[in-house]
Protein backbone atom coordinates (compact mmCIF):
# COMPACT_ATOMS: atom_id res chain seq x y z
CA MET A 1 -5.16 1.72 -4.34
CA GLN A 2 -1.26 2.93 -6.99
CA ASN A 3 -0.32 12.58 -12.04
CA ARG A 4 -0.12 15.28 -15.33
CA GLY A 5 1.97 17.67 -16.55
CA ARG A 6 4.29 16.94 -19.31
CA LEU A 7 7.88 16.26 -17.61
CA ARG A 8 10.05 13.81 -20.60
CA ALA A 9 12.04 11.34 -19.48
CA GLY A 10 15.54 12.97 -19.76
CA GLY A 11 14.12 16.62 -19.96
CA ALA A 12 15.13 19.27 -16.95
CA LEU A 13 12.23 20.18 -14.36
CA SER A 14 10.71 23.60 -15.74
CA ARG A 15 10.38 26.63 -13.39
CA GLY A 16 6.31 26.13 -13.73
CA HIS A 17 6.32 22.70 -12.56
CA ALA A 18 8.66 23.44 -9.67
CA ARG A 19 6.46 26.52 -8.70
CA ALA A 20 3.41 24.26 -8.94
CA LEU A 21 4.91 21.54 -6.69
CA ALA A 22 6.21 23.99 -4.12
CA ALA A 23 3.02 25.51 -3.79
CA ALA A 24 0.83 22.10 -3.16
CA PHE A 25 3.65 20.79 -0.73
CA ALA A 26 2.77 24.39 1.41
CA ARG A 27 -1.15 23.52 1.11
CA ALA A 28 -0.69 20.09 2.68
CA ARG A 29 0.36 19.12 6.10
CA PRO A 30 3.57 17.22 6.22
CA TRP A 31 2.32 14.15 7.43
CA LEU A 32 -0.71 14.29 4.92
CA ARG A 33 1.45 14.58 2.34
CA ALA A 34 3.58 11.20 3.32
CA ALA A 35 0.36 9.25 3.86
CA LEU A 36 -1.35 9.90 0.92
CA ALA A 37 1.70 9.71 -1.13
CA THR A 38 2.17 6.56 0.08
CA ALA A 39 -1.69 5.70 -0.35
CA LEU A 40 -1.87 6.30 -3.94
CA ALA A 41 1.58 4.59 -4.64
CA LEU A 42 -0.40 1.36 -2.49
CA ALA A 43 -3.16 1.97 -4.28
CA VAL A 44 -2.05 0.82 -8.06
CA ALA A 45 0.06 -2.15 -6.95
CA LEU A 46 -2.65 -4.12 -4.73
CA GLY A 47 -6.26 -4.34 -5.65
CA PRO A 48 -9.11 -3.52 -4.04
CA SER A 49 -8.06 -5.19 -0.64
CA LEU A 50 -4.75 -4.09 -0.40
CA ASP A 51 -4.07 -1.97 -3.16
CA GLN A 52 -6.27 0.25 -5.53
CA PRO A 53 -4.24 1.69 -7.97
CA LEU A 54 -3.24 5.30 -7.36
CA HIS A 55 -0.36 7.36 -7.43
CA ALA A 56 1.75 9.89 -5.48
CA SER A 57 -0.37 12.97 -4.87
CA PHE A 58 1.14 15.08 -2.20
CA MET A 59 4.52 14.03 -2.78
CA PRO A 60 6.79 13.82 0.32
CA SER A 61 10.76 13.84 -0.52
CA ALA A 62 10.49 9.78 -0.03
CA PHE A 63 8.25 9.37 -2.95
CA ALA A 64 9.91 12.43 -5.22
CA ALA A 65 12.70 9.51 -5.93
CA ALA A 66 10.89 8.56 -8.36
CA THR A 67 10.19 11.90 -10.27
CA ALA A 68 13.97 12.90 -9.58
CA ALA A 69 14.72 10.04 -11.86
CA ASN A 70 13.49 11.68 -14.45
CA VAL A 71 15.66 14.90 -14.36
CA PRO A 72 19.14 14.83 -15.99
CA GLY A 73 21.94 14.14 -13.30
CA VAL A 74 19.44 13.37 -10.50
CA HIS A 75 18.90 9.76 -9.36
CA PRO A 76 16.62 8.82 -6.38
CA THR A 77 18.20 8.89 -3.12
CA VAL A 78 18.43 5.94 -1.34
CA PRO A 79 17.75 6.77 2.72
CA ALA A 80 19.77 5.49 5.48
CA LEU A 81 18.91 2.46 6.73
CA GLY A 82 17.11 2.57 9.94
CA GLN A 83 14.99 5.44 9.14
CA PRO A 84 11.81 4.22 7.68
CA SER A 85 9.22 6.42 6.12
CA GLY A 86 6.11 7.38 7.81
CA GLY A 87 7.31 8.61 10.78
CA GLY A 88 5.60 11.89 10.08
CA LEU A 89 2.27 10.39 10.58
CA PRO A 90 0.40 11.27 13.44
CA GLY A 91 0.39 8.23 16.16
CA PHE A 92 2.63 6.54 13.37
CA HIS A 93 5.19 4.42 15.55
CA ALA A 94 7.57 2.76 12.65
CA PRO A 95 8.42 -0.99 13.88
CA PRO A 96 12.12 -1.18 15.00
CA MET A 97 14.76 -1.70 12.07
CA PRO A 98 16.50 -4.70 11.46
CA SER A 99 20.16 -4.81 12.15
CA TYR A 100 21.79 -4.77 8.93
CA ALA A 101 24.93 -4.49 10.11
CA SER A 102 24.95 -7.38 12.00
CA GLY A 103 23.59 -9.18 8.86
CA THR A 104 20.47 -11.01 10.27
CA THR A 105 17.07 -9.42 10.30
CA ALA A 106 13.97 -10.52 12.47
CA GLY A 107 12.89 -13.13 9.70
CA GLY A 108 16.71 -14.40 9.20
CA PRO A 109 19.50 -13.63 7.29
CA VAL A 110 19.43 -10.44 5.26
CA ARG A 111 19.14 -11.53 1.36
CA THR A 112 21.85 -11.24 -0.69
CA GLN A 113 19.93 -11.93 -4.15
CA PRO A 114 17.44 -9.63 -5.58
CA ALA A 115 13.98 -10.94 -5.08
CA ARG A 116 12.90 -13.14 -7.59
CA MET A 117 9.71 -10.85 -8.53
CA PRO A 118 7.15 -11.84 -11.06
CA PHE A 119 8.28 -11.35 -14.10
CA TYR A 120 7.16 -12.59 -17.56
CA VAL A 121 8.19 -12.63 -21.09
CA ALA A 122 5.36 -11.87 -24.17
CA THR A 123 6.04 -12.32 -27.91
CA ARG A 124 4.13 -12.27 -30.53
CA GLY A 125 6.32 -12.67 -34.00
CA THR A 126 8.92 -10.35 -33.57
CA THR A 127 7.10 -8.26 -30.74
CA THR A 128 8.20 -8.83 -27.48
CA ILE A 129 6.98 -7.30 -24.00
CA TYR A 130 8.37 -7.78 -21.00
CA LEU A 131 6.45 -7.62 -17.94
CA LEU A 132 7.19 -6.92 -14.03
CA GLY A 133 4.67 -7.10 -11.21
CA THR A 134 5.61 -4.41 -8.77
CA LEU A 135 5.14 -3.22 -5.74
CA HIS A 136 5.04 0.11 -4.71
CA VAL A 137 6.31 0.10 -1.31
CA GLY A 138 9.09 -2.43 -0.45
CA ASP A 139 11.74 -3.52 1.71
CA PRO A 140 15.54 -2.55 0.96
CA ALA A 141 16.48 -5.73 1.41
CA ASP A 142 14.92 -7.15 -2.00
CA TYR A 143 17.07 -4.37 -3.78
CA PRO A 144 21.05 -5.37 -3.13
CA PRO A 145 22.92 -2.24 -4.18
CA ASN A 146 25.46 -3.87 -6.26
CA GLN A 147 22.39 -5.48 -8.25
CA PRO A 148 18.91 -4.56 -7.65
CA PHE A 149 17.29 -6.88 -9.96
CA ARG A 150 18.25 -10.26 -11.11
CA ALA A 151 20.23 -10.96 -14.25
CA PRO A 152 16.65 -11.44 -16.73
CA ILE A 153 15.36 -8.45 -15.69
CA LEU A 154 18.31 -5.99 -16.09
CA ALA A 155 19.12 -7.94 -19.72
CA ALA A 156 15.28 -6.70 -20.49
CA LEU A 157 15.81 -3.29 -19.26
CA ASN A 158 19.02 -2.98 -21.43
CA ALA A 159 17.03 -4.35 -24.51
CA SER A 160 14.10 -2.47 -24.40
CA PRO A 161 13.97 1.47 -25.32
CA THR A 162 11.08 2.32 -23.19
CA LEU A 163 9.73 1.58 -20.00
CA ALA A 164 5.81 1.88 -19.39
CA LEU A 165 4.30 2.37 -15.97
CA GLU A 166 1.00 2.77 -15.01
CA LEU A 167 1.49 6.50 -14.59
CA SER A 168 4.53 8.79 -16.31
CA PRO A 169 6.51 10.26 -13.80
CA ASP A 170 5.32 13.59 -14.96
CA ASP A 171 2.15 12.52 -14.28
CA LEU A 172 2.71 11.41 -10.77
CA LEU A 173 4.51 15.01 -10.17
CA VAL A 174 1.58 17.23 -10.29
CA SER A 175 -1.24 14.99 -9.46
CA GLN A 176 -2.07 16.70 -5.98
CA ASP A 177 -4.42 18.96 -7.38
CA ASP A 178 -6.50 16.12 -8.49
CA VAL A 179 -6.19 13.81 -5.35
CA SER A 180 -7.50 16.88 -3.30
CA LYS A 181 -10.07 18.18 -5.88
CA TYR A 182 -11.75 14.70 -5.96
CA GLY A 183 -11.25 13.37 -2.82
CA VAL A 184 -11.27 15.82 0.05
CA CYS A 185 -14.47 17.96 0.94
CA ARG A 186 -14.31 21.31 2.02
CA LYS A 187 -15.54 20.48 5.48
CA PRO A 188 -16.17 17.11 7.36
CA CYS A 189 -18.48 14.81 5.36
CA LEU A 190 -16.89 11.62 5.71
CA GLN A 191 -18.90 10.81 8.74
CA GLN A 192 -22.72 11.56 6.54
CA LEU A 193 -21.36 9.52 4.00
CA LEU A 194 -21.12 5.87 6.12
CA PRO A 195 -23.45 4.14 7.87
CA ASP A 196 -23.12 4.85 11.46
CA PRO A 197 -21.60 0.95 12.60
CA LEU A 198 -18.83 1.64 9.48
CA TRP A 199 -18.17 5.37 11.00
CA ALA A 200 -18.17 3.92 14.63
CA LYS A 201 -15.57 1.01 13.65
CA LEU A 202 -13.70 4.07 11.76
CA ALA A 203 -13.68 6.27 14.68
CA ALA A 204 -12.67 3.28 17.16
CA ARG A 205 -9.48 2.42 14.94
CA LEU A 206 -8.33 6.41 15.40
CA ARG A 207 -9.25 7.14 18.43
CA GLY A 208 -5.66 7.23 19.74
CA ASN A 209 -4.87 9.25 16.51
CA PRO A 210 -7.24 12.52 16.73
CA GLU A 211 -5.37 14.56 14.28
CA ALA A 212 -6.19 11.87 11.74
CA LEU A 213 -9.34 11.54 12.62
CA ALA A 214 -9.73 15.17 12.24
CA GLU A 215 -8.05 14.96 8.94
CA ILE A 216 -10.07 11.86 7.96
CA ARG A 217 -13.38 13.68 8.57
CA LYS A 218 -12.86 15.59 5.51
CA MET A 219 -12.35 12.70 2.99
CA LYS A 220 -14.19 10.66 0.78
CA PRO A 221 -14.88 7.26 1.22
CA TRP A 222 -12.16 6.08 -1.26
CA LEU A 223 -9.77 8.74 0.02
CA ALA A 224 -10.12 7.44 3.61
CA SER A 225 -9.62 3.64 2.81
CA LEU A 226 -6.25 4.15 1.00
CA LEU A 227 -5.20 6.07 3.90
CA VAL A 228 -6.39 3.50 6.68
CA GLU A 229 -4.31 1.29 4.07
CA THR A 230 -1.39 3.27 4.29
CA TYR A 231 -1.19 3.14 8.29
CA ASP A 232 -0.95 -0.95 8.05
CA SER A 233 1.34 -0.74 5.12
CA LEU A 234 3.80 1.09 6.92
CA SER A 235 3.00 -0.76 9.99
CA ALA A 236 4.22 -3.84 8.48
CA GLY A 237 7.66 -2.02 7.86
CA LEU A 238 7.66 -1.11 4.03
CA GLN A 239 9.15 1.96 2.64
CA THR A 240 8.22 4.22 -0.46
CA GLU A 241 11.71 4.51 -0.88
CA TYR A 242 11.71 0.58 -1.87
CA GLY A 243 8.87 0.82 -4.34
CA THR A 244 9.79 -1.21 -7.39
CA GLU A 245 9.19 1.52 -9.60
CA ALA A 246 11.63 3.90 -8.17
CA GLN A 247 14.32 1.16 -8.50
CA LEU A 248 13.66 0.65 -11.98
CA GLN A 249 13.76 4.00 -13.17
CA ASN A 250 17.31 4.58 -11.41
CA VAL A 251 18.69 1.46 -13.20
CA PHE A 252 16.78 2.58 -16.40
CA LEU A 253 17.23 5.98 -17.13
CA ARG A 254 21.24 5.71 -16.77
CA LEU A 255 20.89 4.13 -20.11
CA LYS A 256 21.29 6.36 -23.02
CA GLY A 257 18.41 7.08 -25.27
CA ARG A 258 15.49 5.62 -23.08
CA ARG A 259 12.14 6.91 -22.29
CA VAL A 260 9.70 6.69 -19.89
CA VAL A 261 5.74 6.66 -20.67
CA GLY A 262 2.27 5.89 -18.84
CA LEU A 263 -0.01 3.13 -19.69
CA GLU A 264 -2.59 5.35 -18.42
CA THR A 265 -3.41 9.22 -17.90
CA LEU A 266 -3.93 10.51 -14.90
CA ALA A 267 -7.66 11.58 -15.51
CA GLU A 268 -7.79 7.98 -16.36
CA GLN A 269 -6.69 6.79 -13.38
CA MET A 270 -8.51 9.38 -11.14
CA ARG A 271 -12.13 8.30 -12.74
CA ALA A 272 -11.48 4.81 -11.47
CA PHE A 273 -11.80 6.19 -8.13
CA THR A 274 -14.00 9.41 -8.64
CA HIS A 275 -16.77 7.06 -10.49
CA LEU A 276 -16.86 4.64 -7.97
CA THR A 277 -20.66 5.15 -6.16
CA LEU A 278 -20.99 5.48 -2.59
CA ALA A 279 -21.66 1.64 -2.21
CA GLN A 280 -18.89 0.64 -3.90
CA GLN A 281 -16.55 3.39 -1.54
CA ARG A 282 -18.12 2.22 1.57
CA GLU A 283 -17.30 -1.54 0.14
CA MET A 284 -13.82 -0.30 0.30
CA LEU A 285 -13.60 1.03 3.52
CA ALA A 286 -15.34 -1.75 5.11
CA GLN A 287 -13.06 -4.30 3.78
CA ASP A 288 -10.21 -1.99 5.28
CA LEU A 289 -11.88 -2.06 8.63
CA ALA A 290 -12.86 -6.15 8.37
CA GLN A 291 -9.66 -7.27 10.38
CA THR A 292 -7.71 -5.85 13.04
CA PRO A 293 -4.75 -3.81 12.25
CA ALA A 294 -2.40 -6.67 13.46
CA GLN A 295 -4.08 -9.17 10.89
CA ASN A 296 -3.91 -6.61 8.00
CA VAL A 297 -0.22 -6.18 8.71
CA ALA A 298 -0.02 -9.70 8.56
CA ASP A 299 -1.68 -9.93 5.13
CA VAL A 300 0.68 -7.05 3.91
CA GLN A 301 3.92 -9.44 4.66
CA THR A 302 2.07 -12.36 3.44
CA LEU A 303 1.93 -10.40 -0.30
CA LEU A 304 5.61 -9.71 0.27
CA ARG A 305 6.69 -13.13 0.45
CA LEU A 306 4.29 -14.05 -2.74
CA TRP A 307 5.71 -11.37 -4.80
CA ARG A 308 9.30 -12.15 -3.67
CA LEU A 309 8.71 -15.81 -4.96
CA GLY A 310 7.58 -14.55 -8.54
CA ASP A 311 4.35 -16.17 -9.71
CA ALA A 312 1.96 -14.18 -10.81
CA ASP A 313 -0.69 -16.21 -10.78
CA ALA A 314 -0.53 -17.23 -6.96
CA ILE A 315 -0.61 -13.69 -6.18
CA ALA A 316 -3.75 -13.15 -7.98
CA ALA A 317 -5.25 -16.75 -6.15
CA TRP A 318 -4.47 -15.40 -2.71
CA ASP A 319 -6.13 -11.74 -3.59
CA ALA A 320 -9.44 -13.39 -4.69
CA ALA A 321 -9.40 -15.43 -1.66
CA ARG A 322 -8.63 -12.59 0.79
CA THR A 323 -11.26 -10.42 -0.94
CA GLU A 324 -13.95 -13.58 -0.70
CA LYS A 325 -13.29 -13.32 2.71
CA LEU A 326 -13.47 -9.41 4.01
CA ALA A 327 -16.27 -8.84 1.53
CA HIS A 328 -19.03 -6.98 2.88
CA ASP A 329 -21.26 -7.23 -0.10
CA PRO A 330 -19.85 -9.93 -2.95
CA ARG A 331 -22.02 -8.83 -5.53
CA VAL A 332 -20.79 -5.03 -4.61
CA ALA A 333 -17.04 -6.25 -4.03
CA ALA A 334 -16.54 -7.82 -7.48
CA SER A 335 -18.18 -4.43 -8.82
CA VAL A 336 -15.00 -2.29 -7.21
CA ASP A 337 -12.51 -5.10 -8.58
CA ASN A 338 -13.85 -4.44 -12.19
CA ARG A 339 -13.90 -0.72 -11.83
CA ILE A 340 -10.26 -0.56 -9.95
CA VAL A 341 -8.56 -3.58 -11.30
CA TYR A 342 -9.69 -5.26 -14.86
CA GLU A 343 -11.10 -2.42 -16.84
CA ARG A 344 -7.47 -0.51 -15.86
CA ASN A 345 -5.81 -4.13 -17.04
CA ARG A 346 -7.55 -3.88 -20.44
CA ARG A 347 -6.46 -0.55 -20.76
CA PHE A 348 -2.71 -1.42 -19.95
CA VAL A 349 -2.57 -3.90 -22.55
CA ALA A 350 -4.10 -1.64 -25.37
CA ARG A 351 -1.32 0.69 -24.49
CA MET A 352 1.60 -1.75 -24.11
CA GLN A 353 0.39 -2.99 -27.79
CA LEU A 354 0.93 0.74 -28.77
CA TYR A 355 4.18 1.06 -27.24
CA ALA A 356 5.69 -2.11 -28.49
CA GLY A 357 6.44 -2.77 -31.94
CA PRO A 358 8.57 -5.25 -34.07
CA ASN A 359 11.94 -5.30 -32.78
CA LYS A 360 11.33 -2.66 -30.30
CA PRO A 361 11.00 -4.58 -27.43
CA LEU A 362 8.59 -2.49 -24.29
CA PHE A 363 9.27 -3.25 -20.43
CA ALA A 364 6.16 -2.69 -18.78
CA ALA A 365 5.96 -2.50 -14.93
CA VAL A 366 2.68 -2.83 -13.30
CA GLY A 367 1.42 -3.36 -9.86
CA ALA A 368 1.53 -6.81 -9.28
CA LEU A 369 -2.31 -7.88 -8.66
CA HIS A 370 -2.97 -6.71 -12.09
CA LEU A 371 -0.68 -9.31 -13.88
CA GLY A 372 -2.13 -12.81 -12.84
CA GLY A 373 -5.73 -14.35 -12.95
CA ARG A 374 -8.37 -15.11 -15.39
CA ASN A 375 -8.79 -11.19 -16.35
CA GLY A 376 -5.26 -10.35 -15.56
CA VAL A 377 -2.72 -8.78 -18.04
CA LEU A 378 -1.06 -12.29 -18.70
CA GLN A 379 -4.18 -13.62 -19.72
CA LEU A 380 -5.45 -10.74 -21.73
CA LEU A 381 -1.90 -10.44 -23.70
CA ARG A 382 -2.36 -14.68 -24.51
CA GLN A 383 -6.09 -13.71 -25.74
CA ARG A 384 -4.49 -11.56 -28.28
CA GLY A 385 -1.92 -13.81 -29.41
CA PHE A 386 1.15 -13.42 -27.23
CA THR A 387 3.21 -16.30 -25.94
CA VAL A 388 4.11 -15.62 -22.50
CA ASP A 389 6.50 -17.41 -20.44
CA PRO A 390 7.66 -16.89 -17.40
CA GLY A 391 11.08 -14.66 -17.31
């Protein structure tokens, strides 16, 4: 998978919000806050196999940067290189960080230009919607400090009075209660909700991590699936601090008179998960466990490479092939896609049309796997009379 409250862009953080956030932090173990925040962020970007829209819930300091961008005078903090996020997860050992000082990484020279990213311009008459496909975790090398986005993206941000994300930052700020309410049982329940072979596979995956296994026993299958994805994504070396949304807000909210809105509410996004049948939730977890951790890490890295090339349809085609390969039950897998990706795509497009107006461009940023393909956001806009061109 990729959020309630009313902290407006440019508004102050209220005492009530601050108290609620402090209480939420106190209730959750630090490693679990970090894992779930990453999982919820990942969920929105990648689709049923790698993503499943979901956003920050127990908000560790790393992800709080995205919310901090909405407070006057506070901007997302950039951690020191060599300090990857995720180190608080039990049993998680981050891969060695590349030596940026030497000007090289394990994959070659450090990037000196921002990633291309999937960026498109949709126009209908005098109405313009700029569309950016995001990753909710990322590589700092893709966001050079002096120019985190290439020139056409920066120009589009400058031209747009409104930035639309999947969820508004104020929704992200207080999402932890809903995730805990709908995703966590009062006592261990996961083993009883899974067929014995699937539970055995999950237990074997976490055999060396007893603390994580103890906590995951209390989760519903959909949330357990997101947590498994988190470990694999962090193992690929990606960081929540460098999710596209946080970087966008850091640029956008330095401009005057701008607002950030959500394309769906927290309740709508949570229903995408809480209304999944048990069979659909099992399918999600089965796909996460169908490959070895190393194979899942390789898939995360492939997605990152495709995102850097900036072709939304190529990303959608790759994801469809991956889902077909990993699906335990193709019919159920298709129903998960429809619930978590395609239904939300239709909602995104409807909300985009509400926010965009004649001579009032909208900049919309959604998870990269929501853009391309037959049922993607770009095609839905074409069906509504928009001309869509690469940006």
